[in-house]
PDB file of all heavy atoms in Angstrom:
ATOM      1  N   ILE A   1      -7.857 -17.994   9.460  1.00  0.00           N
ATOM      2  CA  ILE A   1      -8.438 -18.624   8.332  1.00  0.00           C
ATOM      3  C   ILE A   1      -7.731 -18.182   7.052  1.00  0.00           C
ATOM      4  O   ILE A   1      -7.432 -18.937   6.192  1.00  0.00           O
ATOM      5  CB  ILE A   1      -9.897 -18.258   8.224  1.00  0.00           C
ATOM      6  CG1 ILE A   1     -10.688 -18.953   9.367  1.00  0.00           C
ATOM      7  CG2 ILE A   1     -10.563 -18.687   6.954  1.00  0.00           C
ATOM      8  CD1 ILE A   1     -12.128 -18.483   9.525  1.00  0.00           C
ATOM      9  N   ALA A   2      -7.276 -16.923   6.991  1.00  0.00           N
ATOM     10  CA  ALA A   2      -6.531 -16.389   5.803  1.00  0.00           C
ATOM     11  C   ALA A   2      -5.178 -17.142   5.770  1.00  0.00           C
ATOM     12  O   ALA A   2      -4.733 -17.474   4.628  1.00  0.00           O
ATOM     13  CB  ALA A   2      -6.251 -14.904   5.953  1.00  0.00           C
ATOM     14  N   GLU A   3      -4.483 -17.356   6.832  1.00  0.00           N
ATOM     15  CA  GLU A   3      -3.177 -18.017   6.824  1.00  0.00           C
ATOM     16  C   GLU A   3      -3.374 -19.498   6.413  1.00  0.00           C
ATOM     17  O   GLU A   3      -2.517 -19.984   5.667  1.00  0.00           O
ATOM     18  CB  GLU A   3      -2.528 -17.977   8.240  1.00  0.00           C
ATOM     19  CG  GLU A   3      -1.876 -16.659   8.535  1.00  0.00           C
ATOM     20  CD  GLU A   3      -0.719 -16.356   7.545  1.00  0.00           C
ATOM     21  OE1 GLU A   3       0.110 -17.251   7.276  1.00  0.00           O
ATOM     22  OE2 GLU A   3      -0.599 -15.199   7.143  1.00  0.00           O
ATOM     23  N   LEU A   4      -4.397 -20.147   6.924  1.00  0.00           N
ATOM     24  CA  LEU A   4      -4.646 -21.523   6.547  1.00  0.00           C
ATOM     25  C   LEU A   4      -4.966 -21.643   5.039  1.00  0.00           C
ATOM     26  O   LEU A   4      -4.465 -22.598   4.366  1.00  0.00           O
ATOM     27  CB  LEU A   4      -5.806 -22.085   7.353  1.00  0.00           C
ATOM     28  CG  LEU A   4      -5.500 -22.344   8.861  1.00  0.00           C
ATOM     29  CD1 LEU A   4      -6.783 -22.584   9.673  1.00  0.00           C
ATOM     30  CD2 LEU A   4      -4.509 -23.379   9.059  1.00  0.00           C
ATOM     31  N   ALA A   5      -5.766 -20.766   4.539  1.00  0.00           N
ATOM     32  CA  ALA A   5      -6.109 -20.741   3.131  1.00  0.00           C
ATOM     33  C   ALA A   5      -4.873 -20.502   2.285  1.00  0.00           C
ATOM     34  O   ALA A   5      -4.688 -21.135   1.226  1.00  0.00           O
ATOM     35  CB  ALA A   5      -7.190 -19.745   2.816  1.00  0.00           C
ATOM     36  N   GLU A   6      -3.970 -19.635   2.792  1.00  0.00           N
ATOM     37  CA  GLU A   6      -2.728 -19.286   1.973  1.00  0.00           C
ATOM     38  C   GLU A   6      -1.809 -20.534   2.061  1.00  0.00           C
ATOM     39  O   GLU A   6      -1.119 -20.760   1.071  1.00  0.00           O
ATOM     40  CB  GLU A   6      -2.064 -18.112   2.657  1.00  0.00           C
ATOM     41  CG  GLU A   6      -0.863 -17.638   1.819  1.00  0.00           C
ATOM     42  CD  GLU A   6      -1.231 -16.944   0.522  1.00  0.00           C
ATOM     43  OE1 GLU A   6      -2.323 -16.511   0.306  1.00  0.00           O
ATOM     44  OE2 GLU A   6      -0.275 -16.885  -0.368  1.00  0.00           O
ATOM     45  N   LEU A   7      -1.807 -21.357   3.087  1.00  0.00           N
ATOM     46  CA  LEU A   7      -1.049 -22.578   3.055  1.00  0.00           C
ATOM     47  C   LEU A   7      -1.619 -23.631   2.074  1.00  0.00           C
ATOM     48  O   LEU A   7      -0.844 -24.333   1.503  1.00  0.00           O
ATOM     49  CB  LEU A   7      -1.020 -23.157   4.492  1.00  0.00           C
ATOM     50  CG  LEU A   7      -0.226 -22.471   5.544  1.00  0.00           C
ATOM     51  CD1 LEU A   7      -0.462 -23.006   6.930  1.00  0.00           C
ATOM     52  CD2 LEU A   7       1.290 -22.524   5.213  1.00  0.00           C
ATOM     53  N   ILE A   8      -2.880 -23.584   1.909  1.00  0.00           N
ATOM     54  CA  ILE A   8      -3.500 -24.536   0.925  1.00  0.00           C
ATOM     55  C   ILE A   8      -3.268 -24.067  -0.479  1.00  0.00           C
ATOM     56  O   ILE A   8      -2.887 -24.920  -1.360  1.00  0.00           O
ATOM     57  CB  ILE A   8      -5.045 -24.755   1.254  1.00  0.00           C
ATOM     58  CG1 ILE A   8      -5.178 -25.404   2.586  1.00  0.00           C
ATOM     59  CG2 ILE A   8      -5.715 -25.570   0.122  1.00  0.00           C
ATOM     60  CD1 ILE A   8      -6.548 -25.449   3.090  1.00  0.00           C
ATOM     61  N   ILE A   9      -3.481 -22.804  -0.769  1.00  0.00           N
ATOM     62  CA  ILE A   9      -3.194 -22.272  -2.110  1.00  0.00           C
ATOM     63  C   ILE A   9      -2.226 -21.044  -1.953  1.00  0.00           C
ATOM     64  O   ILE A   9      -2.659 -19.899  -1.832  1.00  0.00           O
ATOM     65  CB  ILE A   9      -4.496 -21.801  -2.797  1.00  0.00           C
ATOM     66  CG1 ILE A   9      -5.436 -22.932  -2.945  1.00  0.00           C
ATOM     67  CG2 ILE A   9      -4.122 -21.201  -4.189  1.00  0.00           C
ATOM     68  CD1 ILE A   9      -6.731 -22.591  -3.568  1.00  0.00           C
ATOM     69  N   PRO A  10      -0.890 -21.356  -1.951  1.00  0.00           N
ATOM     70  CA  PRO A  10       0.041 -20.261  -1.726  1.00  0.00           C
ATOM     71  C   PRO A  10       0.290 -19.429  -2.958  1.00  0.00           C
ATOM     72  O   PRO A  10      -0.088 -19.775  -4.116  1.00  0.00           O
ATOM     73  CB  PRO A  10       1.360 -21.049  -1.402  1.00  0.00           C
ATOM     74  CG  PRO A  10       1.147 -22.372  -2.064  1.00  0.00           C
ATOM     75  CD  PRO A  10      -0.285 -22.683  -2.073  1.00  0.00           C
ATOM     76  N   GLU A  11       0.799 -18.229  -2.682  1.00  0.00           N
ATOM     77  CA  GLU A  11       1.091 -17.324  -3.826  1.00  0.00           C
ATOM     78  C   GLU A  11       2.440 -17.768  -4.510  1.00  0.00           C
ATOM     79  O   GLU A  11       3.373 -18.004  -3.909  1.00  0.00           O
ATOM     80  CB  GLU A  11       1.235 -15.882  -3.295  1.00  0.00           C
ATOM     81  CG  GLU A  11       1.457 -14.960  -4.371  1.00  0.00           C
ATOM     82  CD  GLU A  11       1.473 -13.458  -3.834  1.00  0.00           C
ATOM     83  OE1 GLU A  11       1.029 -13.261  -2.719  1.00  0.00           O
ATOM     84  OE2 GLU A  11       1.915 -12.581  -4.608  1.00  0.00           O
ATOM     85  N   THR A  12       2.293 -17.981  -5.799  1.00  0.00           N
ATOM     86  CA  THR A  12       3.474 -18.294  -6.597  1.00  0.00           C
ATOM     87  C   THR A  12       3.503 -17.238  -7.741  1.00  0.00           C
ATOM     88  O   THR A  12       3.457 -16.113  -7.425  1.00  0.00           O
ATOM     89  CB  THR A  12       3.314 -19.697  -7.156  1.00  0.00           C
ATOM     90  OG1 THR A  12       2.107 -19.852  -7.924  1.00  0.00           O
ATOM     91  CG2 THR A  12       3.284 -20.784  -6.079  1.00  0.00           C
ATOM     92  N   ASP A  13       3.587 -17.699  -8.983  1.00  0.00           N
ATOM     93  CA  ASP A  13       3.512 -16.773 -10.066  1.00  0.00           C
ATOM     94  C   ASP A  13       2.069 -16.335 -10.278  1.00  0.00           C
ATOM     95  O   ASP A  13       1.760 -15.424 -10.996  1.00  0.00           O
ATOM     96  CB  ASP A  13       4.086 -17.341 -11.355  1.00  0.00           C
ATOM     97  CG  ASP A  13       3.370 -18.620 -11.754  1.00  0.00           C
ATOM     98  OD1 ASP A  13       2.834 -19.317 -10.904  1.00  0.00           O
ATOM     99  OD2 ASP A  13       3.471 -19.030 -13.006  1.00  0.00           O
ATOM    100  N   THR A  14       1.139 -16.933  -9.616  1.00  0.00           N
ATOM    101  CA  THR A  14      -0.294 -16.611  -9.643  1.00  0.00           C
ATOM    102  C   THR A  14      -0.629 -16.174  -8.189  1.00  0.00           C
ATOM    103  O   THR A  14       0.028 -16.522  -7.256  1.00  0.00           O
ATOM    104  CB  THR A  14      -1.199 -17.751 -10.014  1.00  0.00           C
ATOM    105  OG1 THR A  14      -0.997 -18.877  -9.121  1.00  0.00           O
ATOM    106  CG2 THR A  14      -0.879 -18.171 -11.443  1.00  0.00           C
ATOM    107  N   PRO A  15      -1.674 -15.325  -7.981  1.00  0.00           N
ATOM    108  CA  PRO A  15      -2.044 -14.912  -6.678  1.00  0.00           C
ATOM    109  C   PRO A  15      -2.460 -16.058  -5.764  1.00  0.00           C
ATOM    110  O   PRO A  15      -3.018 -17.020  -6.294  1.00  0.00           O
ATOM    111  CB  PRO A  15      -3.173 -13.888  -6.868  1.00  0.00           C
ATOM    112  CG  PRO A  15      -3.542 -14.024  -8.330  1.00  0.00           C
ATOM    113  CD  PRO A  15      -2.540 -14.812  -9.029  1.00  0.00           C
ATOM    114  N   GLY A  16      -2.253 -15.939  -4.511  1.00  0.00           N
ATOM    115  CA  GLY A  16      -2.660 -16.981  -3.513  1.00  0.00           C
ATOM    116  C   GLY A  16      -4.003 -16.664  -3.006  1.00  0.00           C
ATOM    117  O   GLY A  16      -4.761 -15.765  -3.448  1.00  0.00           O
ATOM    118  N   ALA A  17      -4.370 -17.522  -2.019  1.00  0.00           N
ATOM    119  CA  ALA A  17      -5.783 -17.469  -1.511  1.00  0.00           C
ATOM    120  C   ALA A  17      -5.969 -16.166  -0.714  1.00  0.00           C
ATOM    121  O   ALA A  17      -7.026 -15.615  -0.696  1.00  0.00           O
ATOM    122  CB  ALA A  17      -6.007 -18.693  -0.573  1.00  0.00           C
ATOM    123  N   LYS A  18      -4.913 -15.725  -0.058  1.00  0.00           N
ATOM    124  CA  LYS A  18      -5.027 -14.476   0.764  1.00  0.00           C
ATOM    125  C   LYS A  18      -5.366 -13.307  -0.140  1.00  0.00           C
ATOM    126  O   LYS A  18      -6.206 -12.491   0.144  1.00  0.00           O
ATOM    127  CB  LYS A  18      -3.839 -14.291   1.548  1.00  0.00           C
ATOM    128  CG  LYS A  18      -3.986 -13.313   2.701  1.00  0.00           C
ATOM    129  CD  LYS A  18      -2.714 -13.002   3.494  1.00  0.00           C
ATOM    130  CE  LYS A  18      -2.325 -14.219   4.378  1.00  0.00           C
ATOM    131  NZ  LYS A  18      -1.185 -13.894   5.252  1.00  0.00           N
ATOM    132  N   ALA A  19      -4.627 -13.203  -1.280  1.00  0.00           N
ATOM    133  CA  ALA A  19      -4.825 -12.061  -2.210  1.00  0.00           C
ATOM    134  C   ALA A  19      -6.215 -12.151  -2.817  1.00  0.00           C
ATOM    135  O   ALA A  19      -6.805 -11.132  -3.200  1.00  0.00           O
ATOM    136  CB  ALA A  19      -3.764 -12.109  -3.296  1.00  0.00           C
ATOM    137  N   ALA A  20      -6.715 -13.364  -3.013  1.00  0.00           N
ATOM    138  CA  ALA A  20      -8.078 -13.489  -3.641  1.00  0.00           C
ATOM    139  C   ALA A  20      -9.192 -13.254  -2.699  1.00  0.00           C
ATOM    140  O   ALA A  20     -10.318 -13.339  -3.127  1.00  0.00           O
ATOM    141  CB  ALA A  20      -8.189 -14.947  -4.248  1.00  0.00           C
ATOM    142  N   GLY A  21      -8.905 -13.089  -1.419  1.00  0.00           N
ATOM    143  CA  GLY A  21      -9.976 -12.817  -0.389  1.00  0.00           C
ATOM    144  C   GLY A  21     -10.694 -13.991  -0.048  1.00  0.00           C
ATOM    145  O   GLY A  21     -11.928 -13.950   0.284  1.00  0.00           O
ATOM    146  N   VAL A  22     -10.120 -15.137  -0.025  1.00  0.00           N
ATOM    147  CA  VAL A  22     -10.883 -16.397   0.250  1.00  0.00           C
ATOM    148  C   VAL A  22     -11.283 -16.474   1.661  1.00  0.00           C
ATOM    149  O   VAL A  22     -12.327 -17.092   1.968  1.00  0.00           O
ATOM    150  CB  VAL A  22      -9.889 -17.640  -0.072  1.00  0.00           C
ATOM    151  CG1 VAL A  22     -10.505 -18.947   0.366  1.00  0.00           C
ATOM    152  CG2 VAL A  22      -9.616 -17.697  -1.602  1.00  0.00           C
ATOM    153  N   ASP A  23     -10.568 -15.768   2.669  1.00  0.00           N
ATOM    154  CA  ASP A  23     -11.029 -15.868   4.036  1.00  0.00           C
ATOM    155  C   ASP A  23     -12.447 -15.239   4.178  1.00  0.00           C
ATOM    156  O   ASP A  23     -13.215 -15.755   4.922  1.00  0.00           O
ATOM    157  CB  ASP A  23     -10.004 -15.091   4.880  1.00  0.00           C
ATOM    158  CG  ASP A  23      -9.653 -13.688   4.396  1.00  0.00           C
ATOM    159  OD1 ASP A  23      -9.714 -13.475   3.142  1.00  0.00           O
ATOM    160  OD2 ASP A  23      -9.300 -12.829   5.226  1.00  0.00           O
ATOM    161  N   HIS A  24     -12.745 -14.164   3.435  1.00  0.00           N
ATOM    162  CA  HIS A  24     -14.101 -13.570   3.536  1.00  0.00           C
ATOM    163  C   HIS A  24     -15.116 -14.609   2.973  1.00  0.00           C
ATOM    164  O   HIS A  24     -16.220 -14.701   3.616  1.00  0.00           O
ATOM    165  CB  HIS A  24     -14.145 -12.252   2.719  1.00  0.00           C
ATOM    166  CG  HIS A  24     -13.397 -11.147   3.322  1.00  0.00           C
ATOM    167  ND1 HIS A  24     -13.858 -10.421   4.351  1.00  0.00           N
ATOM    168  CD2 HIS A  24     -12.196 -10.641   3.023  1.00  0.00           C
ATOM    169  CE1 HIS A  24     -12.977  -9.463   4.708  1.00  0.00           C
ATOM    170  NE2 HIS A  24     -11.949  -9.611   3.818  1.00  0.00           N
ATOM    171  N   TYR A  25     -14.775 -15.199   1.919  1.00  0.00           N
ATOM    172  CA  TYR A  25     -15.681 -16.195   1.317  1.00  0.00           C
ATOM    173  C   TYR A  25     -15.944 -17.329   2.276  1.00  0.00           C
ATOM    174  O   TYR A  25     -17.086 -17.713   2.522  1.00  0.00           O
ATOM    175  CB  TYR A  25     -15.076 -16.775  -0.008  1.00  0.00           C
ATOM    176  CG  TYR A  25     -15.942 -17.813  -0.582  1.00  0.00           C
ATOM    177  CD1 TYR A  25     -16.993 -17.540  -1.344  1.00  0.00           C
ATOM    178  CD2 TYR A  25     -15.667 -19.152  -0.410  1.00  0.00           C
ATOM    179  CE1 TYR A  25     -17.837 -18.522  -1.930  1.00  0.00           C
ATOM    180  CE2 TYR A  25     -16.423 -20.184  -0.998  1.00  0.00           C
ATOM    181  CZ  TYR A  25     -17.482 -19.766  -1.729  1.00  0.00           C
ATOM    182  OH  TYR A  25     -18.283 -20.731  -2.297  1.00  0.00           O
ATOM    183  N   ILE A  26     -14.917 -17.826   2.925  1.00  0.00           N
ATOM    184  CA  ILE A  26     -15.101 -18.981   3.883  1.00  0.00           C
ATOM    185  C   ILE A  26     -16.009 -18.614   4.998  1.00  0.00           C
ATOM    186  O   ILE A  26     -16.933 -19.353   5.343  1.00  0.00           O
ATOM    187  CB  ILE A  26     -13.706 -19.431   4.381  1.00  0.00           C
ATOM    188  CG1 ILE A  26     -12.917 -20.183   3.258  1.00  0.00           C
ATOM    189  CG2 ILE A  26     -13.907 -20.440   5.530  1.00  0.00           C
ATOM    190  CD1 ILE A  26     -11.452 -20.451   3.608  1.00  0.00           C
ATOM    191  N   ILE A  27     -15.736 -17.480   5.629  1.00  0.00           N
ATOM    192  CA  ILE A  27     -16.612 -17.022   6.760  1.00  0.00           C
ATOM    193  C   ILE A  27     -18.036 -16.761   6.350  1.00  0.00           C
ATOM    194  O   ILE A  27     -18.933 -17.143   6.959  1.00  0.00           O
ATOM    195  CB  ILE A  27     -15.962 -15.763   7.419  1.00  0.00           C
ATOM    196  CG1 ILE A  27     -14.593 -16.171   8.013  1.00  0.00           C
ATOM    197  CG2 ILE A  27     -16.903 -15.184   8.463  1.00  0.00           C
ATOM    198  CD1 ILE A  27     -13.774 -14.977   8.520  1.00  0.00           C
ATOM    199  N   ASP A  28     -18.210 -16.119   5.168  1.00  0.00           N
ATOM    200  CA  ASP A  28     -19.598 -15.835   4.705  1.00  0.00           C
ATOM    201  C   ASP A  28     -20.353 -17.145   4.465  1.00  0.00           C
ATOM    202  O   ASP A  28     -21.520 -17.243   4.771  1.00  0.00           O
ATOM    203  CB  ASP A  28     -19.538 -15.007   3.403  1.00  0.00           C
ATOM    204  CG  ASP A  28     -19.252 -13.572   3.710  1.00  0.00           C
ATOM    205  OD1 ASP A  28     -19.331 -13.106   4.839  1.00  0.00           O
ATOM    206  OD2 ASP A  28     -18.781 -12.847   2.699  1.00  0.00           O
ATOM    207  N   VAL A  29     -19.711 -18.164   3.817  1.00  0.00           N
ATOM    208  CA  VAL A  29     -20.340 -19.378   3.537  1.00  0.00           C
ATOM    209  C   VAL A  29     -20.629 -20.121   4.826  1.00  0.00           C
ATOM    210  O   VAL A  29     -21.674 -20.718   5.000  1.00  0.00           O
ATOM    211  CB  VAL A  29     -19.501 -20.226   2.548  1.00  0.00           C
ATOM    212  CG1 VAL A  29     -20.039 -21.601   2.438  1.00  0.00           C
ATOM    213  CG2 VAL A  29     -19.564 -19.607   1.178  1.00  0.00           C
ATOM    214  N   MET A  30     -19.685 -20.131   5.729  1.00  0.00           N
ATOM    215  CA  MET A  30     -19.906 -20.812   6.959  1.00  0.00           C
ATOM    216  C   MET A  30     -21.123 -20.205   7.740  1.00  0.00           C
ATOM    217  O   MET A  30     -21.932 -20.957   8.315  1.00  0.00           O
ATOM    218  CB  MET A  30     -18.656 -20.752   7.906  1.00  0.00           C
ATOM    219  CG  MET A  30     -17.544 -21.724   7.513  1.00  0.00           C
ATOM    220  SD  MET A  30     -17.968 -23.406   7.261  1.00  0.00           S
ATOM    221  CE  MET A  30     -18.619 -23.851   8.831  1.00  0.00           C
ATOM    222  N   ILE A  31     -21.203 -18.930   7.776  1.00  0.00           N
ATOM    223  CA  ILE A  31     -22.283 -18.275   8.529  1.00  0.00           C
ATOM    224  C   ILE A  31     -23.603 -18.436   7.765  1.00  0.00           C
ATOM    225  O   ILE A  31     -24.634 -18.710   8.356  1.00  0.00           O
ATOM    226  CB  ILE A  31     -21.992 -16.756   8.714  1.00  0.00           C
ATOM    227  CG1 ILE A  31     -20.844 -16.678   9.750  1.00  0.00           C
ATOM    228  CG2 ILE A  31     -23.175 -16.057   9.266  1.00  0.00           C
ATOM    229  CD1 ILE A  31     -20.253 -15.199   9.821  1.00  0.00           C
ATOM    230  N   SER A  32     -23.613 -18.196   6.500  1.00  0.00           N
ATOM    231  CA  SER A  32     -24.861 -18.093   5.709  1.00  0.00           C
ATOM    232  C   SER A  32     -25.426 -19.458   5.168  1.00  0.00           C
ATOM    233  O   SER A  32     -26.614 -19.566   4.943  1.00  0.00           O
ATOM    234  CB  SER A  32     -24.751 -17.144   4.564  1.00  0.00           C
ATOM    235  OG  SER A  32     -24.362 -15.868   5.083  1.00  0.00           O
ATOM    236  N   CYS A  33     -24.544 -20.361   4.844  1.00  0.00           N
ATOM    237  CA  CYS A  33     -24.941 -21.503   4.110  1.00  0.00           C
ATOM    238  C   CYS A  33     -24.724 -22.893   4.765  1.00  0.00           C
ATOM    239  O   CYS A  33     -24.943 -23.893   4.081  1.00  0.00           O
ATOM    240  CB  CYS A  33     -24.210 -21.530   2.764  1.00  0.00           C
ATOM    241  SG  CYS A  33     -24.411 -20.104   1.777  1.00  0.00           S
ATOM    242  N   ASN A  34     -24.280 -22.868   6.020  1.00  0.00           N
ATOM    243  CA  ASN A  34     -24.049 -24.174   6.654  1.00  0.00           C
ATOM    244  C   ASN A  34     -24.958 -24.320   7.896  1.00  0.00           C
ATOM    245  O   ASN A  34     -25.183 -23.366   8.597  1.00  0.00           O
ATOM    246  CB  ASN A  34     -22.529 -24.266   7.034  1.00  0.00           C
ATOM    247  CG  ASN A  34     -21.673 -24.608   5.896  1.00  0.00           C
ATOM    248  OD1 ASN A  34     -21.633 -25.719   5.518  1.00  0.00           O
ATOM    249  ND2 ASN A  34     -20.953 -23.637   5.349  1.00  0.00           N
ATOM    250  N   PRO A  35     -25.341 -25.535   8.212  1.00  0.00           N
ATOM    251  CA  PRO A  35     -26.098 -25.858   9.354  1.00  0.00           C
ATOM    252  C   PRO A  35     -25.228 -25.559  10.672  1.00  0.00           C
ATOM    253  O   PRO A  35     -24.031 -25.457  10.607  1.00  0.00           O
ATOM    254  CB  PRO A  35     -26.517 -27.237   9.262  1.00  0.00           C
ATOM    255  CG  PRO A  35     -25.524 -27.856   8.332  1.00  0.00           C
ATOM    256  CD  PRO A  35     -25.069 -26.812   7.392  1.00  0.00           C
ATOM    257  N   VAL A  36     -25.977 -25.431  11.732  1.00  0.00           N
ATOM    258  CA  VAL A  36     -25.328 -25.099  13.011  1.00  0.00           C
ATOM    259  C   VAL A  36     -24.287 -26.103  13.351  1.00  0.00           C
ATOM    260  O   VAL A  36     -23.169 -25.737  13.918  1.00  0.00           O
ATOM    261  CB  VAL A  36     -26.403 -24.930  14.080  1.00  0.00           C
ATOM    262  CG1 VAL A  36     -25.864 -24.829  15.462  1.00  0.00           C
ATOM    263  CG2 VAL A  36     -27.359 -23.803  13.808  1.00  0.00           C
ATOM    264  N   ARG A  37     -24.559 -27.312  13.201  1.00  0.00           N
ATOM    265  CA  ARG A  37     -23.538 -28.399  13.531  1.00  0.00           C
ATOM    266  C   ARG A  37     -22.271 -28.190  12.827  1.00  0.00           C
ATOM    267  O   ARG A  37     -21.162 -28.285  13.427  1.00  0.00           O
ATOM    268  CB  ARG A  37     -24.141 -29.808  13.175  1.00  0.00           C
ATOM    269  CG  ARG A  37     -24.674 -30.523  14.410  1.00  0.00           C
ATOM    270  CD  ARG A  37     -25.058 -31.936  14.083  1.00  0.00           C
ATOM    271  NE  ARG A  37     -26.541 -31.957  14.091  1.00  0.00           N
ATOM    272  CZ  ARG A  37     -27.265 -32.677  13.336  1.00  0.00           C
ATOM    273  NH1 ARG A  37     -26.654 -33.602  12.563  1.00  0.00           N
ATOM    274  NH2 ARG A  37     -28.526 -32.674  13.427  1.00  0.00           N
ATOM    275  N   GLN A  38     -22.343 -27.911  11.530  1.00  0.00           N
ATOM    276  CA  GLN A  38     -21.134 -27.740  10.735  1.00  0.00           C
ATOM    277  C   GLN A  38     -20.399 -26.432  11.153  1.00  0.00           C
ATOM    278  O   GLN A  38     -19.158 -26.465  11.213  1.00  0.00           O
ATOM    279  CB  GLN A  38     -21.465 -27.699   9.248  1.00  0.00           C
ATOM    280  CG  GLN A  38     -20.260 -27.593   8.281  1.00  0.00           C
ATOM    281  CD  GLN A  38     -19.419 -28.785   8.344  1.00  0.00           C
ATOM    282  OE1 GLN A  38     -19.889 -29.866   8.148  1.00  0.00           O
ATOM    283  NE2 GLN A  38     -18.138 -28.647   8.758  1.00  0.00           N
ATOM    284  N   GLN A  39     -21.115 -25.354  11.476  1.00  0.00           N
ATOM    285  CA  GLN A  39     -20.454 -24.234  11.957  1.00  0.00           C
ATOM    286  C   GLN A  39     -19.747 -24.478  13.258  1.00  0.00           C
ATOM    287  O   GLN A  39     -18.574 -24.052  13.445  1.00  0.00           O
ATOM    288  CB  GLN A  39     -21.450 -23.094  12.267  1.00  0.00           C
ATOM    289  CG  GLN A  39     -22.155 -22.534  10.995  1.00  0.00           C
ATOM    290  CD  GLN A  39     -23.276 -21.542  11.395  1.00  0.00           C
ATOM    291  OE1 GLN A  39     -23.377 -21.196  12.560  1.00  0.00           O
ATOM    292  NE2 GLN A  39     -24.093 -21.211  10.400  1.00  0.00           N
ATOM    293  N   HIS A  40     -20.406 -25.210  14.136  1.00  0.00           N
ATOM    294  CA  HIS A  40     -19.757 -25.564  15.462  1.00  0.00           C
ATOM    295  C   HIS A  40     -18.554 -26.420  15.269  1.00  0.00           C
ATOM    296  O   HIS A  40     -17.532 -26.245  15.867  1.00  0.00           O
ATOM    297  CB  HIS A  40     -20.791 -26.221  16.377  1.00  0.00           C
ATOM    298  CG  HIS A  40     -20.207 -26.518  17.773  1.00  0.00           C
ATOM    299  ND1 HIS A  40     -20.030 -25.577  18.636  1.00  0.00           N
ATOM    300  CD2 HIS A  40     -19.869 -27.665  18.304  1.00  0.00           C
ATOM    301  CE1 HIS A  40     -19.499 -26.087  19.708  1.00  0.00           C
ATOM    302  NE2 HIS A  40     -19.395 -27.392  19.544  1.00  0.00           N
ATOM    303  N   LYS A  41     -18.600 -27.365  14.355  1.00  0.00           N
ATOM    304  CA  LYS A  41     -17.483 -28.246  14.058  1.00  0.00           C
ATOM    305  C   LYS A  41     -16.287 -27.471  13.509  1.00  0.00           C
ATOM    306  O   LYS A  41     -15.117 -27.691  13.834  1.00  0.00           O
ATOM    307  CB  LYS A  41     -17.881 -29.385  13.113  1.00  0.00           C
ATOM    308  CG  LYS A  41     -16.914 -30.492  13.146  1.00  0.00           C
ATOM    309  CD  LYS A  41     -17.519 -31.749  12.549  1.00  0.00           C
ATOM    310  CE  LYS A  41     -16.559 -32.902  12.755  1.00  0.00           C
ATOM    311  NZ  LYS A  41     -17.127 -34.149  12.352  1.00  0.00           N
ATOM    312  N   PHE A  42     -16.556 -26.563  12.638  1.00  0.00           N
ATOM    313  CA  PHE A  42     -15.533 -25.728  11.995  1.00  0.00           C
ATOM    314  C   PHE A  42     -14.838 -24.851  13.064  1.00  0.00           C
ATOM    315  O   PHE A  42     -13.642 -24.780  13.190  1.00  0.00           O
ATOM    316  CB  PHE A  42     -16.179 -24.878  10.927  1.00  0.00           C
ATOM    317  CG  PHE A  42     -15.065 -24.101  10.046  1.00  0.00           C
ATOM    318  CD1 PHE A  42     -14.400 -24.799   9.074  1.00  0.00           C
ATOM    319  CD2 PHE A  42     -14.834 -22.815  10.377  1.00  0.00           C
ATOM    320  CE1 PHE A  42     -13.439 -24.074   8.380  1.00  0.00           C
ATOM    321  CE2 PHE A  42     -13.858 -22.094   9.617  1.00  0.00           C
ATOM    322  CZ  PHE A  42     -13.194 -22.765   8.591  1.00  0.00           C
ATOM    323  N   PHE A  43     -15.718 -24.172  13.893  1.00  0.00           N
ATOM    324  CA  PHE A  43     -15.162 -23.303  14.896  1.00  0.00           C
ATOM    325  C   PHE A  43     -14.363 -24.148  15.980  1.00  0.00           C
ATOM    326  O   PHE A  43     -13.289 -23.626  16.436  1.00  0.00           O
ATOM    327  CB  PHE A  43     -16.282 -22.564  15.551  1.00  0.00           C
ATOM    328  CG  PHE A  43     -15.761 -21.439  16.595  1.00  0.00           C
ATOM    329  CD1 PHE A  43     -15.247 -20.356  16.080  1.00  0.00           C
ATOM    330  CD2 PHE A  43     -15.908 -21.686  17.928  1.00  0.00           C
ATOM    331  CE1 PHE A  43     -14.727 -19.346  16.954  1.00  0.00           C
ATOM    332  CE2 PHE A  43     -15.432 -20.725  18.823  1.00  0.00           C
ATOM    333  CZ  PHE A  43     -14.897 -19.519  18.351  1.00  0.00           C
ATOM    334  N   SER A  44     -14.852 -25.311  16.295  1.00  0.00           N
ATOM    335  CA  SER A  44     -14.095 -26.197  17.243  1.00  0.00           C
ATOM    336  C   SER A  44     -12.758 -26.553  16.630  1.00  0.00           C
ATOM    337  O   SER A  44     -11.732 -26.695  17.295  1.00  0.00           O
ATOM    338  CB  SER A  44     -14.978 -27.414  17.598  1.00  0.00           C
ATOM    339  OG  SER A  44     -16.077 -27.093  18.263  1.00  0.00           O
ATOM    340  N   GLY A  45     -12.768 -26.819  15.300  1.00  0.00           N
ATOM    341  CA  GLY A  45     -11.528 -27.158  14.645  1.00  0.00           C
ATOM    342  C   GLY A  45     -10.551 -26.029  14.693  1.00  0.00           C
ATOM    343  O   GLY A  45      -9.320 -26.300  14.888  1.00  0.00           O
TER     344      GLY A  45
END
């Protein structure tokens, strides 16, 4: 997830998604704020 996020927002002269800790955010939101169907679809993806 961290590598994928870094591909979407790479590090340039500003910090990238990996440095910003976006992977923790994505996992926390997927677990806490999404229905089971969406979690399953994300994990299957």
